[in-house]
């Protein structure tokens, strides 16, 4: 049972794009949902709504500026009659020169960096990409601002997979070394209850290790 000081978050992973379907690293490259991604998302949304999701008092759906997040948020907002709001700082994590590569290609070209990235994501910054510590600061600050206005109602936060995993680790108190498992094991729609005190934590407390 939630405490008086708890806040409710509906964490939503944006639907898949053609690069997701092809196992390419997408980062901040802006692509729409693929047709298969849209169909999977509609199925997952139907399962979520049918298993109690309709009973959530959803105040709003916030999302980044990319097309996949925007379309995912629109589908959820229409289904729940919630308002939708775009937040620039919820944009995906930039993976620089690695964007567009398949993970198998990255392993073949940069085996040491890739293995280290898998073991400790925060310790590796893709060339011309965004440091995970900086991305974590940006994302958690934006989510904190959105949730601080929620009162007793739930806010849905739609994010691309890596951004989604960073925020999920923060909300659940998991270390950065568990980023990939947090990404791979999470459902598309997940309701989390977390202490409101988390929003008041100084930015450094929300950061993954540099």
N, C-alpha and C. Protein backbone atom coordinates (compact mmCIF):
# COMPACT_ATOMS: atom_id res chain seq x y z
N UNK A 1 0.84 -1.19 0.00
CA UNK A 1 0.00 0.00 0.00
C UNK A 1 0.88 1.24 0.00
N UNK A 2 0.51 2.24 -0.82
CA UNK A 2 1.29 3.46 -0.92
C UNK A 2 1.13 4.31 0.33
N UNK A 3 2.22 5.00 0.72
CA UNK A 3 2.18 5.93 1.83
C UNK A 3 1.70 7.29 1.36
N UNK A 4 1.35 8.16 2.31
CA UNK A 4 0.84 9.48 1.97
C UNK A 4 1.85 10.26 1.13
N UNK A 5 3.14 10.08 1.42
CA UNK A 5 4.17 10.83 0.71
C UNK A 5 4.63 10.20 -0.58
N UNK A 6 4.02 9.10 -1.00
CA UNK A 6 4.45 8.42 -2.21
C UNK A 6 3.86 9.07 -3.46
N UNK A 7 4.54 8.89 -4.58
CA UNK A 7 4.03 9.35 -5.86
C UNK A 7 3.90 8.15 -6.80
N UNK A 8 2.95 8.25 -7.71
CA UNK A 8 2.67 7.18 -8.66
C UNK A 8 3.14 7.58 -10.05
N UNK A 9 3.92 6.70 -10.66
CA UNK A 9 4.46 6.95 -11.99
C UNK A 9 4.10 5.79 -12.90
N UNK A 10 3.62 6.10 -14.09
CA UNK A 10 3.44 5.07 -15.10
C UNK A 10 4.58 5.22 -16.09
N UNK A 11 5.55 4.32 -15.99
CA UNK A 11 6.74 4.39 -16.85
C UNK A 11 6.46 3.60 -18.13
N UNK A 12 6.62 4.27 -19.26
CA UNK A 12 6.25 3.69 -20.54
C UNK A 12 7.45 3.68 -21.48
N UNK A 13 7.75 2.52 -22.04
CA UNK A 13 8.81 2.43 -23.04
C UNK A 13 8.21 2.68 -24.42
N UNK A 14 8.78 3.62 -25.14
CA UNK A 14 8.28 3.94 -26.48
C UNK A 14 8.32 2.72 -27.38
N UNK A 15 7.38 2.66 -28.30
CA UNK A 15 7.32 1.54 -29.24
C UNK A 15 8.54 1.49 -30.14
N UNK A 16 8.70 0.36 -30.82
CA UNK A 16 9.90 0.11 -31.62
C UNK A 16 9.87 0.80 -32.97
N UNK A 17 11.06 1.17 -33.43
CA UNK A 17 11.26 1.74 -34.76
C UNK A 17 11.89 0.67 -35.66
N UNK A 18 12.12 1.02 -36.92
CA UNK A 18 12.76 0.06 -37.83
C UNK A 18 14.19 -0.26 -37.36
N UNK A 19 14.87 0.72 -36.77
CA UNK A 19 16.22 0.44 -36.27
C UNK A 19 16.15 -0.49 -35.06
N UNK A 20 15.16 -0.33 -34.20
CA UNK A 20 15.00 -1.26 -33.08
C UNK A 20 14.77 -2.67 -33.61
N UNK A 21 13.91 -2.78 -34.61
CA UNK A 21 13.59 -4.09 -35.18
C UNK A 21 14.84 -4.76 -35.78
N UNK A 22 15.75 -3.92 -36.30
CA UNK A 22 16.97 -4.44 -36.92
C UNK A 22 18.14 -4.53 -35.95
N UNK A 23 17.87 -4.29 -34.63
CA UNK A 23 18.90 -4.34 -33.59
C UNK A 23 20.01 -3.32 -33.83
N UNK A 24 19.64 -2.15 -34.36
CA UNK A 24 20.59 -1.06 -34.54
C UNK A 24 20.51 -0.11 -33.35
N UNK A 25 21.64 0.47 -32.97
CA UNK A 25 21.66 1.46 -31.91
C UNK A 25 21.08 2.77 -32.45
N UNK A 26 20.01 3.23 -31.84
CA UNK A 26 19.32 4.39 -32.39
C UNK A 26 19.71 5.70 -31.72
N UNK A 27 19.83 5.72 -30.41
CA UNK A 27 20.16 6.96 -29.73
C UNK A 27 19.14 8.04 -30.02
N UNK A 28 19.63 9.25 -30.39
CA UNK A 28 18.72 10.36 -30.63
C UNK A 28 18.31 10.50 -32.10
N UNK A 29 18.75 9.57 -32.94
CA UNK A 29 18.27 9.58 -34.33
C UNK A 29 16.76 9.46 -34.32
N UNK A 30 16.08 10.38 -35.00
CA UNK A 30 14.63 10.49 -34.88
C UNK A 30 13.93 9.66 -35.95
N UNK A 31 13.30 8.58 -35.52
CA UNK A 31 12.57 7.71 -36.43
C UNK A 31 11.17 7.46 -35.88
N UNK A 32 10.17 7.28 -36.76
CA UNK A 32 8.82 6.96 -36.29
C UNK A 32 8.72 5.49 -35.90
N UNK A 33 7.61 5.14 -35.31
CA UNK A 33 7.36 3.73 -35.03
C UNK A 33 7.32 2.93 -36.32
N UNK A 34 7.86 1.74 -36.30
CA UNK A 34 7.69 0.83 -37.43
C UNK A 34 6.29 0.25 -37.37
N UNK A 35 5.84 -0.34 -38.44
CA UNK A 35 4.50 -0.91 -38.43
C UNK A 35 4.41 -2.05 -37.41
N UNK A 36 5.45 -2.88 -37.36
CA UNK A 36 5.43 -3.97 -36.38
C UNK A 36 5.53 -3.41 -34.97
N UNK A 37 6.32 -2.35 -34.78
CA UNK A 37 6.41 -1.72 -33.47
C UNK A 37 5.09 -1.14 -33.02
N UNK A 38 4.37 -0.53 -33.96
CA UNK A 38 3.06 0.05 -33.63
C UNK A 38 2.07 -1.05 -33.24
N UNK A 39 2.09 -2.15 -33.97
CA UNK A 39 1.16 -3.24 -33.66
C UNK A 39 1.48 -3.87 -32.30
N UNK A 40 2.76 -4.05 -32.00
CA UNK A 40 3.13 -4.59 -30.69
C UNK A 40 2.72 -3.64 -29.57
N UNK A 41 2.92 -2.36 -29.83
CA UNK A 41 2.55 -1.36 -28.83
C UNK A 41 1.04 -1.37 -28.57
N UNK A 42 0.24 -1.45 -29.62
CA UNK A 42 -1.21 -1.49 -29.45
C UNK A 42 -1.63 -2.73 -28.67
N UNK A 43 -0.96 -3.86 -28.94
CA UNK A 43 -1.25 -5.08 -28.19
C UNK A 43 -0.90 -4.90 -26.72
N UNK A 44 0.30 -4.37 -26.45
CA UNK A 44 0.74 -4.18 -25.06
C UNK A 44 -0.16 -3.17 -24.33
N UNK A 45 -0.60 -2.15 -25.04
CA UNK A 45 -1.51 -1.17 -24.45
C UNK A 45 -2.84 -1.82 -24.10
N UNK A 46 -3.34 -2.67 -25.00
CA UNK A 46 -4.59 -3.37 -24.72
C UNK A 46 -4.48 -4.29 -23.52
N UNK A 47 -3.35 -4.99 -23.41
CA UNK A 47 -3.14 -5.87 -22.26
C UNK A 47 -3.08 -5.05 -20.97
N UNK A 48 -2.36 -3.93 -21.01
CA UNK A 48 -2.24 -3.07 -19.83
C UNK A 48 -3.60 -2.53 -19.40
N UNK A 49 -4.37 -2.02 -20.33
CA UNK A 49 -5.68 -1.46 -20.00
C UNK A 49 -6.63 -2.54 -19.49
N UNK A 50 -6.51 -3.74 -20.06
CA UNK A 50 -7.37 -4.83 -19.64
C UNK A 50 -7.03 -5.42 -18.30
N UNK A 51 -5.81 -5.15 -17.82
CA UNK A 51 -5.38 -5.73 -16.53
C UNK A 51 -5.42 -4.70 -15.40
N UNK A 52 -6.20 -3.66 -15.58
CA UNK A 52 -6.36 -2.68 -14.51
C UNK A 52 -5.87 -1.30 -14.84
N UNK A 53 -5.26 -1.13 -16.00
CA UNK A 53 -4.72 0.17 -16.37
C UNK A 53 -5.77 1.26 -16.50
N UNK A 54 -7.00 0.86 -16.85
CA UNK A 54 -8.06 1.85 -17.01
C UNK A 54 -8.43 2.49 -15.67
N UNK A 55 -8.12 1.81 -14.58
CA UNK A 55 -8.48 2.33 -13.27
C UNK A 55 -7.49 3.34 -12.71
N UNK A 56 -6.36 3.57 -13.42
CA UNK A 56 -5.37 4.53 -12.95
C UNK A 56 -5.84 5.94 -13.25
N UNK A 57 -5.77 6.81 -12.26
CA UNK A 57 -6.15 8.21 -12.43
C UNK A 57 -4.99 8.94 -13.09
N UNK A 58 -4.98 8.92 -14.42
CA UNK A 58 -3.85 9.46 -15.17
C UNK A 58 -4.04 10.96 -15.42
N UNK A 59 -3.14 11.75 -14.86
CA UNK A 59 -3.22 13.20 -15.01
C UNK A 59 -2.74 13.66 -16.39
N UNK A 60 -1.59 13.15 -16.82
CA UNK A 60 -1.04 13.55 -18.10
C UNK A 60 -0.02 12.53 -18.58
N UNK A 61 0.35 12.66 -19.85
CA UNK A 61 1.37 11.82 -20.46
C UNK A 61 2.47 12.74 -20.96
N UNK A 62 3.66 12.63 -20.39
CA UNK A 62 4.77 13.47 -20.83
C UNK A 62 5.74 12.63 -21.64
N UNK A 63 6.43 13.29 -22.58
CA UNK A 63 7.28 12.54 -23.51
C UNK A 63 8.32 13.47 -24.11
N UNK A 64 9.32 12.89 -24.74
CA UNK A 64 10.35 13.66 -25.43
C UNK A 64 9.88 14.10 -26.80
N UNK A 65 10.74 14.81 -27.54
CA UNK A 65 10.34 15.37 -28.84
C UNK A 65 10.46 14.42 -30.03
N UNK A 66 10.99 13.23 -29.82
CA UNK A 66 11.19 12.31 -30.94
C UNK A 66 9.87 11.68 -31.37
N UNK A 67 9.81 11.25 -32.63
CA UNK A 67 8.56 10.77 -33.22
C UNK A 67 8.03 9.50 -32.54
N UNK A 68 8.92 8.57 -32.20
CA UNK A 68 8.46 7.31 -31.59
C UNK A 68 7.81 7.57 -30.23
N UNK A 69 8.44 8.42 -29.42
CA UNK A 69 7.87 8.75 -28.11
C UNK A 69 6.56 9.53 -28.26
N UNK A 70 6.53 10.44 -29.21
CA UNK A 70 5.35 11.27 -29.43
C UNK A 70 4.15 10.40 -29.84
N UNK A 71 4.38 9.45 -30.76
CA UNK A 71 3.28 8.60 -31.21
C UNK A 71 2.83 7.66 -30.09
N UNK A 72 3.79 7.11 -29.34
CA UNK A 72 3.44 6.25 -28.21
C UNK A 72 2.59 7.01 -27.20
N UNK A 73 3.01 8.23 -26.88
CA UNK A 73 2.26 9.05 -25.93
C UNK A 73 0.86 9.38 -26.45
N UNK A 74 0.76 9.65 -27.73
CA UNK A 74 -0.55 9.97 -28.32
C UNK A 74 -1.51 8.80 -28.20
N UNK A 75 -1.02 7.59 -28.47
CA UNK A 75 -1.88 6.41 -28.36
C UNK A 75 -2.36 6.21 -26.93
N UNK A 76 -1.46 6.38 -25.97
CA UNK A 76 -1.84 6.22 -24.57
C UNK A 76 -2.80 7.33 -24.13
N UNK A 77 -2.51 8.56 -24.53
CA UNK A 77 -3.36 9.68 -24.13
C UNK A 77 -4.78 9.53 -24.67
N UNK A 78 -4.89 9.10 -25.92
CA UNK A 78 -6.23 8.92 -26.50
C UNK A 78 -6.99 7.81 -25.79
N UNK A 79 -6.29 6.74 -25.45
CA UNK A 79 -6.96 5.59 -24.82
C UNK A 79 -7.40 5.89 -23.39
N UNK A 80 -6.72 6.83 -22.73
CA UNK A 80 -7.01 7.11 -21.31
C UNK A 80 -7.63 8.49 -21.10
N UNK A 81 -7.83 9.23 -22.20
CA UNK A 81 -8.40 10.59 -22.12
C UNK A 81 -7.55 11.51 -21.27
N UNK A 82 -6.23 11.31 -21.32
CA UNK A 82 -5.30 12.17 -20.59
C UNK A 82 -4.71 13.19 -21.56
N UNK A 83 -4.23 14.29 -21.02
CA UNK A 83 -3.57 15.28 -21.87
C UNK A 83 -2.12 14.87 -22.09
N UNK A 84 -1.56 15.33 -23.17
CA UNK A 84 -0.20 14.98 -23.56
C UNK A 84 0.67 16.23 -23.54
N UNK A 85 1.91 16.09 -23.05
CA UNK A 85 2.81 17.25 -22.98
C UNK A 85 4.22 16.84 -23.38
N UNK A 86 4.80 17.56 -24.32
CA UNK A 86 6.16 17.30 -24.77
C UNK A 86 7.16 18.05 -23.89
N UNK A 87 8.22 17.35 -23.48
CA UNK A 87 9.28 17.96 -22.67
C UNK A 87 10.61 17.72 -23.38
N UNK A 88 11.28 18.80 -23.74
CA UNK A 88 12.51 18.70 -24.51
C UNK A 88 13.57 17.85 -23.81
N UNK A 89 13.70 17.99 -22.50
CA UNK A 89 14.76 17.30 -21.78
C UNK A 89 14.52 15.79 -21.63
N UNK A 90 13.39 15.30 -22.12
CA UNK A 90 13.15 13.86 -22.14
C UNK A 90 13.59 13.23 -23.46
N UNK A 91 14.36 13.97 -24.24
CA UNK A 91 14.86 13.44 -25.51
C UNK A 91 15.76 12.23 -25.26
N UNK A 92 15.89 11.36 -26.27
CA UNK A 92 16.72 10.16 -26.11
C UNK A 92 18.18 10.49 -25.85
N UNK A 93 18.92 9.49 -25.38
CA UNK A 93 20.35 9.63 -25.11
C UNK A 93 21.11 9.58 -26.44
N UNK A 94 22.00 10.56 -26.65
CA UNK A 94 22.80 10.59 -27.88
C UNK A 94 23.92 9.55 -27.81
N UNK A 95 24.00 8.71 -28.82
CA UNK A 95 25.06 7.69 -28.89
C UNK A 95 26.12 8.03 -29.92
N UNK A 96 26.12 9.27 -30.41
CA UNK A 96 27.17 9.76 -31.29
C UNK A 96 27.42 8.89 -32.51
N UNK A 97 28.70 8.57 -32.74
CA UNK A 97 29.09 7.83 -33.94
C UNK A 97 28.66 6.37 -33.91
N UNK A 98 28.16 5.90 -32.77
CA UNK A 98 27.69 4.52 -32.71
C UNK A 98 26.26 4.36 -33.24
N UNK A 99 25.57 5.45 -33.43
CA UNK A 99 24.18 5.35 -33.88
C UNK A 99 24.10 4.74 -35.28
N UNK A 100 23.20 3.84 -35.45
CA UNK A 100 23.02 3.15 -36.72
C UNK A 100 23.74 1.82 -36.79
N UNK A 101 24.68 1.60 -35.88
CA UNK A 101 25.40 0.32 -35.87
C UNK A 101 24.57 -0.76 -35.19
N UNK A 102 24.68 -1.98 -35.70
CA UNK A 102 24.14 -3.11 -34.97
C UNK A 102 25.09 -3.43 -33.82
N UNK A 103 24.55 -3.98 -32.74
CA UNK A 103 25.42 -4.29 -31.60
C UNK A 103 26.51 -5.29 -32.00
N UNK A 104 26.18 -6.20 -32.91
CA UNK A 104 27.19 -7.17 -33.37
C UNK A 104 28.31 -6.46 -34.11
N UNK A 105 27.98 -5.40 -34.88
CA UNK A 105 29.01 -4.63 -35.59
C UNK A 105 29.88 -3.87 -34.60
N UNK A 106 29.28 -3.32 -33.57
CA UNK A 106 30.03 -2.59 -32.56
C UNK A 106 31.00 -3.53 -31.84
N UNK A 107 30.53 -4.73 -31.53
CA UNK A 107 31.39 -5.72 -30.89
C UNK A 107 32.56 -6.08 -31.79
N UNK A 108 32.31 -6.20 -33.08
CA UNK A 108 33.36 -6.58 -34.03
C UNK A 108 34.39 -5.47 -34.20
N UNK A 109 33.92 -4.20 -34.23
CA UNK A 109 34.82 -3.07 -34.49
C UNK A 109 35.54 -2.58 -33.23
N UNK A 110 34.83 -2.59 -32.12
CA UNK A 110 35.39 -2.06 -30.87
C UNK A 110 35.11 -3.04 -29.73
N UNK A 111 35.71 -4.22 -29.76
CA UNK A 111 35.36 -5.27 -28.79
C UNK A 111 35.59 -4.86 -27.33
N UNK A 112 36.72 -4.21 -27.04
CA UNK A 112 37.01 -3.85 -25.64
C UNK A 112 36.01 -2.81 -25.13
N UNK A 113 35.78 -1.77 -25.93
CA UNK A 113 34.84 -0.72 -25.52
C UNK A 113 33.43 -1.27 -25.37
N UNK A 114 33.05 -2.15 -26.30
CA UNK A 114 31.70 -2.71 -26.23
C UNK A 114 31.52 -3.56 -24.98
N UNK A 115 32.50 -4.41 -24.67
CA UNK A 115 32.39 -5.27 -23.49
C UNK A 115 32.34 -4.44 -22.21
N UNK A 116 33.17 -3.39 -22.17
CA UNK A 116 33.14 -2.51 -21.00
C UNK A 116 31.80 -1.80 -20.89
N UNK A 117 31.24 -1.39 -22.03
CA UNK A 117 29.93 -0.72 -22.07
C UNK A 117 28.84 -1.64 -21.54
N UNK A 118 28.94 -2.92 -21.87
CA UNK A 118 27.96 -3.88 -21.38
C UNK A 118 28.11 -4.12 -19.87
N UNK A 119 29.34 -4.11 -19.37
CA UNK A 119 29.58 -4.38 -17.95
C UNK A 119 29.31 -3.16 -17.07
N UNK A 120 29.70 -1.99 -17.55
CA UNK A 120 29.54 -0.76 -16.76
C UNK A 120 29.24 0.39 -17.73
N UNK A 121 27.98 0.57 -18.13
CA UNK A 121 27.64 1.54 -19.17
C UNK A 121 28.11 2.95 -18.88
N UNK A 122 28.09 3.36 -17.62
CA UNK A 122 28.46 4.73 -17.27
C UNK A 122 29.95 5.01 -17.45
N UNK A 123 30.74 3.97 -17.59
CA UNK A 123 32.19 4.16 -17.70
C UNK A 123 32.64 4.40 -19.14
N UNK A 124 31.74 4.29 -20.09
CA UNK A 124 32.08 4.44 -21.51
C UNK A 124 31.16 5.49 -22.15
N UNK A 125 31.75 6.45 -22.84
CA UNK A 125 30.97 7.43 -23.58
C UNK A 125 31.21 7.21 -25.07
N UNK A 126 30.15 6.93 -25.84
CA UNK A 126 30.34 6.75 -27.29
C UNK A 126 30.98 7.99 -27.90
N UNK A 127 31.86 7.83 -28.89
CA UNK A 127 32.49 8.99 -29.52
C UNK A 127 31.44 9.98 -30.04
N UNK A 128 31.59 11.24 -29.64
CA UNK A 128 30.66 12.33 -29.96
C UNK A 128 29.27 12.10 -29.36
N UNK A 129 29.19 11.22 -28.37
CA UNK A 129 27.92 10.95 -27.72
C UNK A 129 27.79 11.65 -26.38
N UNK A 130 26.71 11.38 -25.70
CA UNK A 130 26.40 12.01 -24.41
C UNK A 130 26.86 11.12 -23.27
N UNK A 131 27.54 11.69 -22.28
CA UNK A 131 27.91 10.94 -21.10
C UNK A 131 26.64 10.47 -20.38
N UNK A 132 26.65 9.23 -19.90
CA UNK A 132 25.47 8.72 -19.23
C UNK A 132 25.16 9.49 -17.96
N UNK A 133 26.21 10.00 -17.29
CA UNK A 133 25.98 10.81 -16.09
C UNK A 133 25.21 12.07 -16.43
N UNK A 134 25.57 12.70 -17.57
CA UNK A 134 24.87 13.91 -18.00
C UNK A 134 23.43 13.58 -18.42
N UNK A 135 23.27 12.48 -19.14
CA UNK A 135 21.92 12.07 -19.56
C UNK A 135 21.05 11.77 -18.35
N UNK A 136 21.63 11.11 -17.35
CA UNK A 136 20.87 10.79 -16.14
C UNK A 136 20.44 12.07 -15.43
N UNK A 137 21.34 13.03 -15.30
CA UNK A 137 21.00 14.32 -14.68
C UNK A 137 19.84 14.98 -15.42
N UNK A 138 19.96 15.04 -16.74
CA UNK A 138 18.95 15.71 -17.55
C UNK A 138 17.58 15.04 -17.42
N UNK A 139 17.58 13.73 -17.54
CA UNK A 139 16.32 12.99 -17.52
C UNK A 139 15.66 13.01 -16.15
N UNK A 140 16.45 12.74 -15.10
CA UNK A 140 15.84 12.68 -13.77
C UNK A 140 15.35 14.06 -13.31
N UNK A 141 16.06 15.12 -13.71
CA UNK A 141 15.60 16.46 -13.37
C UNK A 141 14.27 16.76 -14.07
N UNK A 142 14.15 16.37 -15.34
CA UNK A 142 12.92 16.62 -16.07
C UNK A 142 11.75 15.82 -15.50
N UNK A 143 12.02 14.55 -15.16
CA UNK A 143 10.95 13.72 -14.57
C UNK A 143 10.57 14.26 -13.21
N UNK A 144 11.54 14.68 -12.41
CA UNK A 144 11.24 15.24 -11.10
C UNK A 144 10.33 16.45 -11.21
N UNK A 145 10.62 17.34 -12.15
CA UNK A 145 9.78 18.53 -12.32
C UNK A 145 8.36 18.15 -12.71
N UNK A 146 8.24 17.17 -13.59
CA UNK A 146 6.90 16.74 -14.02
C UNK A 146 6.12 16.10 -12.88
N UNK A 147 6.80 15.25 -12.10
CA UNK A 147 6.11 14.53 -11.02
C UNK A 147 5.77 15.44 -9.85
N UNK A 148 6.54 16.50 -9.67
CA UNK A 148 6.27 17.40 -8.54
C UNK A 148 4.92 18.10 -8.66
N UNK A 149 4.36 18.10 -9.87
CA UNK A 149 3.06 18.74 -10.10
C UNK A 149 1.90 17.76 -10.07
N UNK A 150 2.19 16.49 -9.79
CA UNK A 150 1.17 15.46 -9.97
C UNK A 150 0.17 15.36 -8.82
N UNK A 151 0.52 15.85 -7.61
CA UNK A 151 -0.39 15.69 -6.48
C UNK A 151 -0.58 14.21 -6.19
N UNK A 152 -1.84 13.78 -6.07
CA UNK A 152 -2.14 12.37 -5.80
C UNK A 152 -2.41 11.58 -7.09
N UNK A 153 -2.34 12.26 -8.22
CA UNK A 153 -2.64 11.60 -9.48
C UNK A 153 -1.37 11.02 -10.11
N UNK A 154 -1.55 10.17 -11.11
CA UNK A 154 -0.43 9.50 -11.77
C UNK A 154 -0.03 10.25 -13.04
N UNK A 155 1.26 10.35 -13.28
CA UNK A 155 1.77 10.90 -14.53
C UNK A 155 2.48 9.77 -15.28
N UNK A 156 2.18 9.67 -16.57
CA UNK A 156 2.87 8.70 -17.42
C UNK A 156 4.07 9.38 -18.06
N UNK A 157 5.20 8.68 -18.06
CA UNK A 157 6.44 9.20 -18.65
C UNK A 157 6.86 8.24 -19.75
N UNK A 158 6.89 8.73 -20.99
CA UNK A 158 7.23 7.91 -22.15
C UNK A 158 8.67 8.21 -22.56
N UNK A 159 9.48 7.16 -22.67
CA UNK A 159 10.90 7.33 -22.97
C UNK A 159 11.39 6.25 -23.93
N UNK A 160 12.40 6.59 -24.71
CA UNK A 160 13.08 5.61 -25.54
C UNK A 160 13.85 4.64 -24.64
N UNK A 161 14.23 3.45 -25.15
CA UNK A 161 14.73 2.38 -24.28
C UNK A 161 15.88 2.72 -23.33
N UNK A 162 16.96 3.38 -23.80
CA UNK A 162 18.07 3.64 -22.88
C UNK A 162 17.69 4.71 -21.87
N UNK A 163 17.00 5.76 -22.32
CA UNK A 163 16.52 6.78 -21.39
C UNK A 163 15.55 6.17 -20.39
N UNK A 164 14.69 5.29 -20.86
CA UNK A 164 13.74 4.58 -20.02
C UNK A 164 14.47 3.79 -18.94
N UNK A 165 15.54 3.10 -19.33
CA UNK A 165 16.29 2.28 -18.37
C UNK A 165 17.00 3.15 -17.34
N UNK A 166 17.55 4.30 -17.76
CA UNK A 166 18.20 5.20 -16.81
C UNK A 166 17.20 5.70 -15.75
N UNK A 167 16.02 6.10 -16.20
CA UNK A 167 15.00 6.59 -15.26
C UNK A 167 14.48 5.46 -14.40
N UNK A 168 14.35 4.27 -14.96
CA UNK A 168 13.87 3.13 -14.18
C UNK A 168 14.86 2.77 -13.07
N UNK A 169 16.16 2.82 -13.38
CA UNK A 169 17.17 2.57 -12.35
C UNK A 169 17.06 3.60 -11.23
N UNK A 170 16.88 4.86 -11.60
CA UNK A 170 16.76 5.93 -10.59
C UNK A 170 15.53 5.72 -9.71
N UNK A 171 14.39 5.43 -10.32
CA UNK A 171 13.15 5.28 -9.56
C UNK A 171 13.17 4.05 -8.65
N UNK A 172 13.90 3.02 -9.05
CA UNK A 172 13.91 1.78 -8.27
C UNK A 172 15.18 1.60 -7.45
N UNK A 173 16.10 2.58 -7.51
CA UNK A 173 17.31 2.51 -6.69
C UNK A 173 18.32 1.49 -7.16
N UNK A 174 18.34 1.20 -8.45
CA UNK A 174 19.30 0.23 -8.98
C UNK A 174 20.55 0.92 -9.48
N UNK A 175 21.72 0.27 -9.41
CA UNK A 175 22.96 0.88 -9.88
C UNK A 175 23.05 0.88 -11.40
N UNK A 176 23.97 1.71 -11.91
CA UNK A 176 24.14 1.83 -13.36
C UNK A 176 24.60 0.53 -14.00
N UNK A 177 25.28 -0.32 -13.26
CA UNK A 177 25.73 -1.59 -13.82
C UNK A 177 24.57 -2.50 -14.19
N UNK A 178 23.38 -2.21 -13.70
CA UNK A 178 22.20 -3.01 -14.02
C UNK A 178 21.34 -2.36 -15.11
N UNK A 179 21.92 -1.38 -15.81
CA UNK A 179 21.14 -0.63 -16.81
C UNK A 179 20.55 -1.54 -17.89
N UNK A 180 21.37 -2.46 -18.42
CA UNK A 180 20.88 -3.27 -19.54
C UNK A 180 19.81 -4.27 -19.08
N UNK A 181 19.95 -4.83 -17.89
CA UNK A 181 18.90 -5.72 -17.41
C UNK A 181 17.63 -4.92 -17.12
N UNK A 182 17.80 -3.68 -16.62
CA UNK A 182 16.63 -2.82 -16.40
C UNK A 182 15.94 -2.51 -17.71
N UNK A 183 16.70 -2.39 -18.78
CA UNK A 183 16.12 -2.15 -20.10
C UNK A 183 15.41 -3.39 -20.63
N UNK A 184 16.06 -4.54 -20.54
CA UNK A 184 15.55 -5.74 -21.21
C UNK A 184 14.41 -6.43 -20.48
N UNK A 185 14.36 -6.28 -19.14
CA UNK A 185 13.34 -7.01 -18.39
C UNK A 185 12.06 -6.21 -18.16
N UNK A 186 12.08 -4.92 -18.47
CA UNK A 186 10.94 -4.08 -18.11
C UNK A 186 9.77 -4.28 -19.07
N UNK A 187 8.54 -4.23 -18.55
CA UNK A 187 7.37 -4.27 -19.43
C UNK A 187 7.20 -2.92 -20.13
N UNK A 188 6.41 -2.88 -21.18
CA UNK A 188 6.19 -1.63 -21.90
C UNK A 188 5.47 -0.61 -21.04
N UNK A 189 4.57 -1.07 -20.17
CA UNK A 189 3.82 -0.20 -19.27
C UNK A 189 4.01 -0.71 -17.85
N UNK A 190 4.56 0.14 -17.00
CA UNK A 190 4.89 -0.30 -15.63
C UNK A 190 4.53 0.81 -14.63
N UNK A 191 3.65 0.48 -13.69
CA UNK A 191 3.30 1.46 -12.66
C UNK A 191 4.24 1.29 -11.48
N UNK A 192 4.91 2.38 -11.10
CA UNK A 192 5.84 2.38 -9.99
C UNK A 192 5.37 3.36 -8.93
N UNK A 193 5.56 3.01 -7.68
CA UNK A 193 5.26 3.91 -6.57
C UNK A 193 6.57 4.19 -5.85
N UNK A 194 6.90 5.46 -5.71
CA UNK A 194 8.19 5.83 -5.13
C UNK A 194 8.02 6.99 -4.15
N UNK A 195 8.88 7.11 -3.15
CA UNK A 195 8.75 8.19 -2.18
C UNK A 195 8.90 9.57 -2.82
N UNK A 196 8.05 10.50 -2.43
CA UNK A 196 8.15 11.86 -2.95
C UNK A 196 9.49 12.50 -2.60
N UNK A 197 10.11 12.04 -1.51
CA UNK A 197 11.41 12.58 -1.11
C UNK A 197 12.46 12.40 -2.19
N UNK A 198 12.27 11.41 -3.07
CA UNK A 198 13.22 11.19 -4.15
C UNK A 198 13.33 12.43 -5.03
N UNK A 199 12.24 13.16 -5.19
CA UNK A 199 12.23 14.34 -6.06
C UNK A 199 13.05 15.48 -5.48
N UNK A 200 13.21 15.47 -4.17
CA UNK A 200 13.92 16.56 -3.50
C UNK A 200 15.42 16.27 -3.35
N UNK A 201 15.85 15.07 -3.79
CA UNK A 201 17.27 14.71 -3.65
C UNK A 201 18.12 15.61 -4.52
N UNK A 202 19.30 15.98 -4.09
CA UNK A 202 20.19 16.80 -4.92
C UNK A 202 20.55 16.07 -6.20
N UNK A 203 20.84 16.80 -7.28
CA UNK A 203 21.11 16.17 -8.57
C UNK A 203 22.14 15.06 -8.52
N UNK A 204 23.19 15.21 -7.71
CA UNK A 204 24.25 14.19 -7.67
C UNK A 204 23.73 12.85 -7.19
N UNK A 205 22.66 12.86 -6.38
CA UNK A 205 22.12 11.60 -5.88
C UNK A 205 21.41 10.82 -6.96
N UNK A 206 21.03 11.50 -8.02
CA UNK A 206 20.31 10.84 -9.10
C UNK A 206 21.23 10.38 -10.22
N UNK A 207 22.53 10.73 -10.10
CA UNK A 207 23.44 10.44 -11.20
C UNK A 207 23.98 9.01 -11.14
N UNK A 208 24.20 8.45 -12.35
CA UNK A 208 24.96 7.22 -12.43
C UNK A 208 26.42 7.61 -12.21
N UNK A 209 27.25 6.66 -11.85
CA UNK A 209 28.65 6.99 -11.60
C UNK A 209 29.32 7.45 -12.89
N UNK A 210 30.17 8.44 -12.77
CA UNK A 210 30.81 9.00 -13.97
C UNK A 210 31.92 8.08 -14.47
